[in-house]
């Protein structure tokens, strides 16, 4: 057991400096370490919402959690709080309960290409939907110190866009 402890101890204290320092021995900033990693989603999530895990972009600040899902023409944000759970006394039967959904409908994006890039350092997700020469960029993030979901929508053409915003609160989704 003592040898096992020494191996773990050695890996942590020898390997850790190599991960957080550059070649010259200077400490790397958190942005240098985390900023080079991004999640890229090239197809809409198929398991969001889900009972155990979701396969879409996740946003949050430790208090508020948001899962993104839907086709380009109908982006849906599932909103929950980390202190609001569906509890059941069976294995894998407890999970955060959805408080509500926010849905952005832009019908002209039907059949658009799908790409969402999640920036792990800035804790944001940027969706880029393109159809022909028209495109829309939707940037989403949860404020670090407030329970706010911030969504910015930009169109990259001069066409007139029409859309709708729907909010449904206390939508308790059943997975049974």
N, C-alpha and C. Protein backbone atom coordinates (compact mmCIF):
# COMPACT_ATOMS: atom_id res chain seq x y z
N UNK A 1 0.82 -1.19 0.00
CA UNK A 1 0.00 0.00 0.00
C UNK A 1 0.87 1.26 0.00
N UNK A 2 1.99 1.19 0.69
CA UNK A 2 2.90 2.33 0.77
C UNK A 2 3.46 2.66 -0.62
N UNK A 3 3.80 1.63 -1.42
CA UNK A 3 4.32 1.84 -2.78
C UNK A 3 3.23 2.47 -3.66
N UNK A 4 2.00 2.02 -3.49
CA UNK A 4 0.86 2.57 -4.25
C UNK A 4 0.70 4.06 -3.95
N UNK A 5 0.81 4.42 -2.67
CA UNK A 5 0.70 5.81 -2.26
C UNK A 5 1.83 6.64 -2.88
N UNK A 6 3.05 6.11 -2.86
CA UNK A 6 4.19 6.83 -3.43
C UNK A 6 4.03 7.04 -4.94
N UNK A 7 3.49 6.05 -5.64
CA UNK A 7 3.25 6.21 -7.08
C UNK A 7 2.27 7.34 -7.34
N UNK A 8 1.14 7.32 -6.65
CA UNK A 8 0.12 8.36 -6.83
C UNK A 8 0.72 9.72 -6.48
N UNK A 9 1.39 9.80 -5.35
CA UNK A 9 2.00 11.04 -4.89
C UNK A 9 3.00 11.56 -5.93
N UNK A 10 3.81 10.67 -6.47
CA UNK A 10 4.79 11.05 -7.48
C UNK A 10 4.14 11.54 -8.76
N UNK A 11 3.11 10.84 -9.25
CA UNK A 11 2.43 11.26 -10.47
C UNK A 11 1.82 12.65 -10.31
N UNK A 12 1.20 12.89 -9.17
CA UNK A 12 0.54 14.18 -8.95
C UNK A 12 1.56 15.31 -8.88
N UNK A 13 2.60 15.13 -8.07
CA UNK A 13 3.54 16.23 -7.86
C UNK A 13 4.61 16.36 -8.94
N UNK A 14 4.80 15.33 -9.74
CA UNK A 14 5.71 15.46 -10.88
C UNK A 14 4.92 15.85 -12.12
N UNK A 15 3.76 15.24 -12.31
CA UNK A 15 2.95 15.50 -13.50
C UNK A 15 2.25 16.84 -13.47
N UNK A 16 1.81 17.28 -12.31
CA UNK A 16 1.07 18.54 -12.19
C UNK A 16 1.87 19.74 -12.67
N UNK A 17 3.13 19.90 -12.26
CA UNK A 17 3.88 21.05 -12.76
C UNK A 17 4.06 21.02 -14.28
N UNK A 18 4.15 19.84 -14.87
CA UNK A 18 4.29 19.77 -16.33
C UNK A 18 3.00 20.25 -17.01
N UNK A 19 1.85 20.04 -16.38
CA UNK A 19 0.58 20.44 -16.96
C UNK A 19 0.34 21.94 -16.82
N UNK A 20 0.73 22.53 -15.69
CA UNK A 20 0.44 23.95 -15.45
C UNK A 20 1.60 24.88 -15.77
N UNK A 21 2.73 24.35 -16.21
CA UNK A 21 3.87 25.19 -16.57
C UNK A 21 4.19 24.99 -18.05
N UNK A 22 4.71 26.03 -18.67
CA UNK A 22 5.14 25.90 -20.06
C UNK A 22 6.61 25.46 -20.08
N UNK A 23 7.21 25.43 -21.28
CA UNK A 23 8.58 24.94 -21.43
C UNK A 23 9.58 25.74 -20.61
N UNK A 24 9.37 27.04 -20.48
CA UNK A 24 10.32 27.87 -19.74
C UNK A 24 10.13 27.79 -18.22
N UNK A 25 9.12 27.05 -17.77
CA UNK A 25 8.88 26.92 -16.34
C UNK A 25 7.92 27.95 -15.79
N UNK A 26 7.41 28.85 -16.65
CA UNK A 26 6.45 29.86 -16.22
C UNK A 26 5.07 29.21 -16.00
N UNK A 27 4.41 29.66 -14.97
CA UNK A 27 3.06 29.15 -14.70
C UNK A 27 2.10 29.57 -15.81
N UNK A 28 1.24 28.64 -16.21
CA UNK A 28 0.22 28.97 -17.20
C UNK A 28 -0.98 29.56 -16.47
N UNK A 29 -1.65 30.47 -17.13
CA UNK A 29 -2.87 31.05 -16.56
C UNK A 29 -4.02 30.07 -16.77
N UNK A 30 -5.10 30.18 -15.99
CA UNK A 30 -6.27 29.32 -16.22
C UNK A 30 -6.77 29.44 -17.66
N UNK A 31 -6.71 30.64 -18.24
CA UNK A 31 -7.17 30.80 -19.61
C UNK A 31 -6.30 30.01 -20.59
N UNK A 32 -5.01 29.93 -20.34
CA UNK A 32 -4.12 29.16 -21.21
C UNK A 32 -4.41 27.66 -21.12
N UNK A 33 -4.80 27.20 -19.96
CA UNK A 33 -5.07 25.77 -19.78
C UNK A 33 -6.46 25.41 -20.28
N UNK A 34 -7.47 26.11 -19.79
CA UNK A 34 -8.86 25.78 -20.11
C UNK A 34 -9.28 26.34 -21.47
N UNK A 35 -8.75 27.50 -21.84
CA UNK A 35 -9.16 28.18 -23.05
C UNK A 35 -8.89 27.44 -24.34
N UNK A 36 -7.99 26.48 -24.32
CA UNK A 36 -7.71 25.75 -25.56
C UNK A 36 -8.66 24.58 -25.79
N UNK A 37 -9.56 24.33 -24.85
CA UNK A 37 -10.51 23.23 -24.97
C UNK A 37 -11.90 23.76 -25.30
N UNK A 38 -12.53 23.20 -26.30
CA UNK A 38 -13.88 23.59 -26.69
C UNK A 38 -14.68 22.34 -27.03
N UNK A 39 -15.97 22.37 -26.75
CA UNK A 39 -16.88 21.30 -27.19
C UNK A 39 -17.55 21.78 -28.46
N UNK A 40 -17.61 20.94 -29.47
CA UNK A 40 -18.27 21.29 -30.72
C UNK A 40 -19.35 20.27 -30.99
N UNK A 41 -20.57 20.75 -31.20
CA UNK A 41 -21.73 19.91 -31.48
C UNK A 41 -22.13 20.15 -32.93
N UNK A 42 -22.13 19.10 -33.75
CA UNK A 42 -22.45 19.24 -35.17
C UNK A 42 -23.82 18.67 -35.52
N UNK A 43 -24.53 18.16 -34.54
CA UNK A 43 -25.89 17.67 -34.75
C UNK A 43 -26.70 17.96 -33.49
N UNK A 44 -28.01 18.14 -33.65
CA UNK A 44 -28.85 18.44 -32.48
C UNK A 44 -28.84 17.29 -31.47
N UNK A 45 -28.94 17.61 -30.19
CA UNK A 45 -29.00 16.57 -29.16
C UNK A 45 -30.22 15.68 -29.35
N UNK A 46 -30.06 14.39 -29.06
CA UNK A 46 -31.19 13.46 -29.18
C UNK A 46 -31.64 12.95 -27.82
N UNK A 47 -30.87 13.22 -26.76
CA UNK A 47 -31.20 12.72 -25.42
C UNK A 47 -31.38 13.85 -24.41
N UNK A 48 -31.85 14.98 -24.88
CA UNK A 48 -32.05 16.13 -24.00
C UNK A 48 -33.50 16.56 -24.11
N UNK A 49 -34.25 16.61 -23.02
CA UNK A 49 -33.85 16.29 -21.65
C UNK A 49 -33.74 14.79 -21.45
N UNK A 50 -33.05 14.41 -20.39
CA UNK A 50 -32.85 13.00 -20.10
C UNK A 50 -32.88 12.74 -18.62
N UNK A 51 -33.04 11.47 -18.27
CA UNK A 51 -33.12 11.09 -16.86
C UNK A 51 -31.75 11.04 -16.20
N UNK A 52 -30.73 10.66 -16.94
CA UNK A 52 -29.43 10.48 -16.32
C UNK A 52 -28.43 11.53 -16.81
N UNK A 53 -28.24 11.61 -18.10
CA UNK A 53 -27.29 12.57 -18.66
C UNK A 53 -27.89 13.12 -19.96
N UNK A 54 -27.44 14.28 -20.34
CA UNK A 54 -27.90 14.88 -21.59
C UNK A 54 -26.74 14.95 -22.57
N UNK A 55 -27.05 15.06 -23.84
CA UNK A 55 -26.00 15.08 -24.86
C UNK A 55 -25.91 16.42 -25.57
N UNK A 56 -26.43 17.46 -24.96
CA UNK A 56 -26.37 18.79 -25.54
C UNK A 56 -25.49 19.71 -24.72
N UNK A 57 -25.25 20.92 -25.21
CA UNK A 57 -24.45 21.89 -24.46
C UNK A 57 -25.08 22.21 -23.11
N UNK A 58 -24.23 22.34 -22.10
CA UNK A 58 -24.68 22.68 -20.75
C UNK A 58 -24.10 24.03 -20.35
N UNK A 59 -24.91 24.83 -19.70
CA UNK A 59 -24.48 26.12 -19.17
C UNK A 59 -24.88 26.17 -17.71
N UNK A 60 -24.20 26.96 -16.92
CA UNK A 60 -24.59 27.08 -15.52
C UNK A 60 -23.57 27.84 -14.71
N UNK A 61 -23.96 28.12 -13.47
CA UNK A 61 -23.07 28.87 -12.57
C UNK A 61 -22.98 28.23 -11.19
N UNK A 62 -23.44 27.01 -11.06
CA UNK A 62 -23.44 26.35 -9.76
C UNK A 62 -24.77 26.44 -9.06
N UNK A 63 -25.59 27.40 -9.45
CA UNK A 63 -26.93 27.57 -8.91
C UNK A 63 -27.98 27.29 -9.97
N UNK A 64 -27.80 27.88 -11.13
CA UNK A 64 -28.72 27.68 -12.26
C UNK A 64 -28.05 26.77 -13.27
N UNK A 65 -28.81 25.82 -13.81
CA UNK A 65 -28.30 24.94 -14.85
C UNK A 65 -29.22 25.03 -16.06
N UNK A 66 -28.62 25.02 -17.25
CA UNK A 66 -29.36 25.13 -18.50
C UNK A 66 -28.82 24.08 -19.46
N UNK A 67 -29.71 23.33 -20.09
CA UNK A 67 -29.34 22.39 -21.14
C UNK A 67 -29.97 22.88 -22.44
N UNK A 68 -29.18 22.90 -23.51
CA UNK A 68 -29.65 23.37 -24.81
C UNK A 68 -30.00 22.17 -25.69
N UNK A 69 -31.08 22.32 -26.47
CA UNK A 69 -31.50 21.25 -27.36
C UNK A 69 -32.33 21.84 -28.50
N UNK A 70 -32.69 21.00 -29.43
CA UNK A 70 -33.60 21.41 -30.50
C UNK A 70 -32.92 21.61 -31.84
N UNK A 71 -33.74 21.64 -32.88
CA UNK A 71 -33.30 21.89 -34.24
C UNK A 71 -32.97 23.38 -34.39
N UNK A 72 -32.25 23.77 -35.46
CA UNK A 72 -31.91 25.20 -35.62
C UNK A 72 -33.13 26.12 -35.61
N UNK A 73 -34.24 25.68 -36.16
CA UNK A 73 -35.42 26.54 -36.21
C UNK A 73 -36.19 26.60 -34.90
N UNK A 74 -35.82 25.75 -33.93
CA UNK A 74 -36.55 25.71 -32.67
C UNK A 74 -35.58 25.35 -31.53
N UNK A 75 -34.78 26.31 -31.13
CA UNK A 75 -33.84 26.09 -30.03
C UNK A 75 -34.58 26.14 -28.71
N UNK A 76 -34.33 25.14 -27.86
CA UNK A 76 -35.00 25.05 -26.57
C UNK A 76 -33.95 25.02 -25.45
N UNK A 77 -34.20 25.81 -24.44
CA UNK A 77 -33.35 25.87 -23.25
C UNK A 77 -34.14 25.28 -22.09
N UNK A 78 -33.64 24.21 -21.48
CA UNK A 78 -34.27 23.59 -20.32
C UNK A 78 -33.62 24.19 -19.08
N UNK A 79 -34.42 24.84 -18.26
CA UNK A 79 -33.93 25.59 -17.10
C UNK A 79 -34.21 24.84 -15.81
N UNK A 80 -33.21 24.81 -14.93
CA UNK A 80 -33.39 24.19 -13.62
C UNK A 80 -32.45 24.86 -12.62
N UNK A 81 -32.68 24.55 -11.37
CA UNK A 81 -31.78 25.02 -10.31
C UNK A 81 -31.16 23.79 -9.66
N UNK A 82 -29.98 23.97 -9.14
CA UNK A 82 -29.29 22.83 -8.53
C UNK A 82 -29.85 22.45 -7.17
N UNK A 83 -30.79 23.23 -6.65
CA UNK A 83 -31.42 22.87 -5.39
C UNK A 83 -32.89 22.44 -5.59
N UNK A 84 -33.25 22.09 -6.82
CA UNK A 84 -34.62 21.65 -7.13
C UNK A 84 -34.53 20.32 -7.87
N UNK A 85 -34.69 19.22 -7.12
CA UNK A 85 -34.49 17.89 -7.67
C UNK A 85 -35.77 17.07 -7.59
N UNK A 86 -35.87 16.11 -8.49
CA UNK A 86 -36.91 15.09 -8.43
C UNK A 86 -36.26 13.94 -7.67
N UNK A 87 -36.78 13.62 -6.51
CA UNK A 87 -36.18 12.59 -5.66
C UNK A 87 -37.02 11.33 -5.66
N UNK A 88 -36.36 10.23 -5.76
CA UNK A 88 -37.00 8.93 -5.67
C UNK A 88 -35.99 8.00 -5.04
N UNK A 89 -36.43 7.04 -4.28
CA UNK A 89 -35.52 6.21 -3.51
C UNK A 89 -34.98 5.01 -4.29
N UNK A 90 -34.94 5.09 -5.60
CA UNK A 90 -34.37 4.01 -6.40
C UNK A 90 -33.08 4.49 -7.05
N UNK A 91 -32.22 3.55 -7.40
CA UNK A 91 -30.95 3.88 -8.03
C UNK A 91 -31.18 4.59 -9.36
N UNK A 92 -30.47 5.68 -9.61
CA UNK A 92 -30.54 6.46 -10.85
C UNK A 92 -31.93 7.04 -11.12
N UNK A 93 -32.70 7.27 -10.09
CA UNK A 93 -34.04 7.83 -10.27
C UNK A 93 -34.16 9.25 -9.76
N UNK A 94 -33.07 9.86 -9.32
CA UNK A 94 -33.09 11.24 -8.84
C UNK A 94 -32.28 12.11 -9.80
N UNK A 95 -32.82 13.25 -10.15
CA UNK A 95 -32.15 14.16 -11.07
C UNK A 95 -32.75 15.55 -10.92
N UNK A 96 -32.06 16.60 -11.41
CA UNK A 96 -32.63 17.95 -11.34
C UNK A 96 -33.95 18.02 -12.11
N UNK A 97 -34.96 18.60 -11.51
CA UNK A 97 -36.26 18.74 -12.16
C UNK A 97 -36.25 20.01 -13.02
N UNK A 98 -36.85 19.92 -14.19
CA UNK A 98 -36.90 21.07 -15.09
C UNK A 98 -37.94 22.06 -14.56
N UNK A 99 -37.49 23.29 -14.30
CA UNK A 99 -38.39 24.35 -13.83
C UNK A 99 -39.19 24.96 -14.97
N UNK A 100 -38.58 25.02 -16.13
CA UNK A 100 -39.26 25.63 -17.27
C UNK A 100 -38.42 25.51 -18.52
N UNK A 101 -39.02 25.90 -19.62
CA UNK A 101 -38.31 25.89 -20.89
C UNK A 101 -38.45 27.25 -21.54
N UNK A 102 -37.42 27.62 -22.26
CA UNK A 102 -37.42 28.84 -23.06
C UNK A 102 -37.17 28.37 -24.49
N UNK A 103 -38.06 28.72 -25.40
CA UNK A 103 -37.96 28.24 -26.77
C UNK A 103 -37.88 29.41 -27.73
N UNK A 104 -36.91 29.37 -28.62
CA UNK A 104 -36.75 30.40 -29.64
C UNK A 104 -37.11 29.77 -30.98
N UNK A 105 -38.17 30.25 -31.58
CA UNK A 105 -38.63 29.75 -32.88
C UNK A 105 -38.25 30.73 -33.97
N UNK A 106 -37.46 30.26 -34.94
CA UNK A 106 -37.12 31.05 -36.12
C UNK A 106 -37.39 30.13 -37.32
N UNK A 107 -38.64 30.11 -37.84
CA UNK A 107 -39.02 29.16 -38.88
C UNK A 107 -38.13 29.19 -40.13
N UNK A 108 -37.57 30.33 -40.46
CA UNK A 108 -36.74 30.40 -41.67
C UNK A 108 -35.42 29.64 -41.54
N UNK A 109 -35.09 29.13 -40.35
CA UNK A 109 -33.87 28.34 -40.18
C UNK A 109 -34.12 26.84 -40.35
N UNK A 110 -35.32 26.45 -40.78
CA UNK A 110 -35.61 25.03 -41.00
C UNK A 110 -34.62 24.47 -42.01
N UNK A 111 -34.03 23.34 -41.70
CA UNK A 111 -33.04 22.64 -42.53
C UNK A 111 -31.70 23.37 -42.60
N UNK A 112 -31.43 24.28 -41.69
CA UNK A 112 -30.14 24.99 -41.66
C UNK A 112 -29.06 24.05 -41.12
N UNK A 113 -27.81 24.35 -41.42
CA UNK A 113 -26.70 23.58 -40.86
C UNK A 113 -26.62 23.84 -39.36
N UNK A 114 -26.08 22.90 -38.62
CA UNK A 114 -26.08 22.95 -37.17
C UNK A 114 -24.65 22.92 -36.65
N UNK A 115 -24.28 23.92 -35.87
CA UNK A 115 -22.98 23.92 -35.20
C UNK A 115 -23.09 24.76 -33.94
N UNK A 116 -22.79 24.13 -32.82
CA UNK A 116 -22.71 24.86 -31.55
C UNK A 116 -21.32 24.62 -30.97
N UNK A 117 -20.64 25.71 -30.63
CA UNK A 117 -19.32 25.63 -30.03
C UNK A 117 -19.41 26.12 -28.59
N UNK A 118 -19.00 25.28 -27.67
CA UNK A 118 -19.06 25.61 -26.26
C UNK A 118 -17.66 26.01 -25.80
N UNK A 119 -17.54 27.24 -25.35
CA UNK A 119 -16.27 27.79 -24.84
C UNK A 119 -16.22 27.51 -23.34
N UNK A 120 -15.34 26.61 -22.93
CA UNK A 120 -15.31 26.19 -21.53
C UNK A 120 -14.73 27.25 -20.60
N UNK A 121 -13.81 28.07 -21.08
CA UNK A 121 -13.22 29.09 -20.22
C UNK A 121 -14.22 30.22 -19.95
N UNK A 122 -14.89 30.70 -20.98
CA UNK A 122 -15.85 31.79 -20.83
C UNK A 122 -17.25 31.30 -20.48
N UNK A 123 -17.44 29.98 -20.39
CA UNK A 123 -18.71 29.37 -20.01
C UNK A 123 -19.86 29.87 -20.87
N UNK A 124 -19.67 29.79 -22.18
CA UNK A 124 -20.71 30.23 -23.11
C UNK A 124 -20.84 29.22 -24.24
N UNK A 125 -21.95 29.28 -24.94
CA UNK A 125 -22.19 28.44 -26.11
C UNK A 125 -22.61 29.35 -27.26
N UNK A 126 -22.00 29.16 -28.42
CA UNK A 126 -22.32 29.97 -29.59
C UNK A 126 -22.83 29.04 -30.69
N UNK A 127 -24.09 29.23 -31.06
CA UNK A 127 -24.71 28.44 -32.12
C UNK A 127 -24.59 29.20 -33.43
N UNK A 128 -24.20 28.49 -34.47
CA UNK A 128 -24.07 29.07 -35.80
C UNK A 128 -24.93 28.25 -36.74
N UNK A 129 -26.03 28.83 -37.18
CA UNK A 129 -26.96 28.15 -38.08
C UNK A 129 -26.94 28.86 -39.43
N UNK A 130 -26.67 28.09 -40.50
CA UNK A 130 -26.57 28.67 -41.83
C UNK A 130 -27.47 27.93 -42.79
N UNK A 131 -28.18 28.70 -43.60
CA UNK A 131 -29.04 28.13 -44.64
C UNK A 131 -28.86 29.00 -45.88
N UNK A 132 -28.20 28.45 -46.89
CA UNK A 132 -27.90 29.24 -48.09
C UNK A 132 -26.95 30.37 -47.73
N UNK A 133 -27.32 31.60 -48.14
CA UNK A 133 -26.46 32.75 -47.81
C UNK A 133 -26.94 33.48 -46.55
N UNK A 134 -27.90 32.91 -45.85
CA UNK A 134 -28.42 33.51 -44.62
C UNK A 134 -27.90 32.71 -43.41
N UNK A 135 -27.59 33.42 -42.34
CA UNK A 135 -27.14 32.73 -41.13
C UNK A 135 -27.54 33.51 -39.88
N UNK A 136 -27.61 32.79 -38.79
CA UNK A 136 -27.91 33.39 -37.49
C UNK A 136 -26.92 32.84 -36.48
N UNK A 137 -26.48 33.71 -35.59
CA UNK A 137 -25.59 33.31 -34.50
C UNK A 137 -26.30 33.61 -33.19
N UNK A 138 -26.41 32.58 -32.35
CA UNK A 138 -27.06 32.72 -31.05
C UNK A 138 -26.02 32.41 -29.98
N UNK A 139 -25.67 33.41 -29.20
CA UNK A 139 -24.68 33.25 -28.12
C UNK A 139 -25.43 33.21 -26.80
N UNK A 140 -25.15 32.19 -25.98
CA UNK A 140 -25.86 31.99 -24.72
C UNK A 140 -24.86 31.80 -23.59
N UNK A 141 -25.20 32.33 -22.43
CA UNK A 141 -24.40 32.11 -21.23
C UNK A 141 -25.26 32.37 -20.00
N UNK A 142 -24.85 31.81 -18.88
CA UNK A 142 -25.47 32.08 -17.59
C UNK A 142 -24.51 32.99 -16.83
N UNK A 143 -25.03 34.09 -16.30
CA UNK A 143 -24.19 35.04 -15.55
C UNK A 143 -23.52 34.32 -14.37
N UNK A 144 -22.29 34.69 -14.09
CA UNK A 144 -21.52 34.01 -13.04
C UNK A 144 -22.08 34.25 -11.64
N UNK A 145 -22.58 35.45 -11.37
CA UNK A 145 -22.99 35.78 -10.00
C UNK A 145 -24.48 36.04 -9.85
N UNK A 146 -25.22 35.99 -10.93
CA UNK A 146 -26.68 36.20 -10.89
C UNK A 146 -27.35 35.01 -11.56
N UNK A 147 -28.62 34.80 -11.27
CA UNK A 147 -29.37 33.72 -11.89
C UNK A 147 -30.01 34.20 -13.18
N UNK A 148 -29.18 34.61 -14.13
CA UNK A 148 -29.64 35.16 -15.40
C UNK A 148 -29.13 34.30 -16.54
N UNK A 149 -30.02 33.99 -17.47
CA UNK A 149 -29.65 33.38 -18.75
C UNK A 149 -29.61 34.52 -19.76
N UNK A 150 -28.46 34.71 -20.40
CA UNK A 150 -28.28 35.81 -21.36
C UNK A 150 -28.18 35.20 -22.75
N UNK A 151 -29.04 35.64 -23.65
CA UNK A 151 -29.06 35.14 -25.02
C UNK A 151 -28.96 36.32 -25.97
N UNK A 152 -28.00 36.26 -26.88
CA UNK A 152 -27.80 37.30 -27.89
C UNK A 152 -27.99 36.65 -29.26
N UNK A 153 -28.86 37.24 -30.08
CA UNK A 153 -29.15 36.70 -31.41
C UNK A 153 -28.70 37.72 -32.44
N UNK A 154 -27.86 37.27 -33.38
CA UNK A 154 -27.38 38.13 -34.47
C UNK A 154 -27.70 37.45 -35.80
N UNK A 155 -28.11 38.24 -36.76
CA UNK A 155 -28.26 37.71 -38.11
C UNK A 155 -27.14 38.28 -38.96
N UNK A 156 -26.63 37.46 -39.84
CA UNK A 156 -25.46 37.86 -40.62
C UNK A 156 -25.83 38.20 -42.07
N UNK A 157 -27.03 38.67 -42.28
CA UNK A 157 -27.45 39.05 -43.62
C UNK A 157 -28.44 40.20 -43.49
N UNK A 158 -28.92 40.68 -44.59
CA UNK A 158 -29.86 41.80 -44.57
C UNK A 158 -31.31 41.36 -44.73
N UNK A 159 -31.54 40.06 -44.71
CA UNK A 159 -32.90 39.56 -44.81
C UNK A 159 -33.65 39.86 -43.52
N UNK A 160 -34.95 39.97 -43.63
CA UNK A 160 -35.77 40.22 -42.45
C UNK A 160 -36.11 38.87 -41.81
N UNK A 161 -35.81 38.75 -40.53
CA UNK A 161 -36.08 37.52 -39.81
C UNK A 161 -37.31 37.70 -38.95
N UNK A 162 -38.04 36.65 -38.83
CA UNK A 162 -39.23 36.67 -37.98
C UNK A 162 -39.13 35.48 -37.04
N UNK A 163 -39.41 35.69 -35.79
CA UNK A 163 -39.32 34.61 -34.83
C UNK A 163 -40.23 34.83 -33.65
N UNK A 164 -40.30 33.82 -32.79
CA UNK A 164 -41.13 33.87 -31.60
C UNK A 164 -40.33 33.34 -30.41
N UNK A 165 -40.69 33.85 -29.24
CA UNK A 165 -40.05 33.43 -28.01
C UNK A 165 -41.15 32.89 -27.09
N UNK A 166 -40.99 31.66 -26.62
CA UNK A 166 -41.97 31.02 -25.73
C UNK A 166 -41.29 30.67 -24.42
N UNK A 167 -41.99 30.91 -23.32
CA UNK A 167 -41.49 30.50 -22.02
C UNK A 167 -42.57 29.73 -21.30
N UNK A 168 -42.23 28.56 -20.83
CA UNK A 168 -43.16 27.74 -20.07
C UNK A 168 -42.49 27.46 -18.73
N UNK A 169 -43.10 27.86 -17.62
CA UNK A 169 -42.48 27.66 -16.32
C UNK A 169 -43.13 26.51 -15.56
N UNK A 170 -42.38 25.98 -14.64
CA UNK A 170 -42.77 24.83 -13.81
C UNK A 170 -43.34 23.71 -14.66
N UNK A 171 -42.58 23.36 -15.68
CA UNK A 171 -42.96 22.25 -16.54
C UNK A 171 -42.27 21.01 -16.00
N UNK A 172 -42.94 20.27 -15.20
CA UNK A 172 -42.34 19.07 -14.60
C UNK A 172 -42.45 17.95 -15.63
N UNK A 173 -41.32 17.58 -16.19
CA UNK A 173 -41.29 16.59 -17.26
C UNK A 173 -41.17 15.21 -16.64
N UNK A 174 -42.02 14.33 -17.06
CA UNK A 174 -42.00 12.95 -16.58
C UNK A 174 -41.29 12.08 -17.60
N UNK A 175 -40.42 11.20 -17.13
CA UNK A 175 -39.66 10.33 -18.02
C UNK A 175 -40.09 8.89 -17.90
N UNK A 176 -41.19 8.64 -17.28
CA UNK A 176 -41.65 7.26 -17.05
C UNK A 176 -42.39 6.73 -18.26
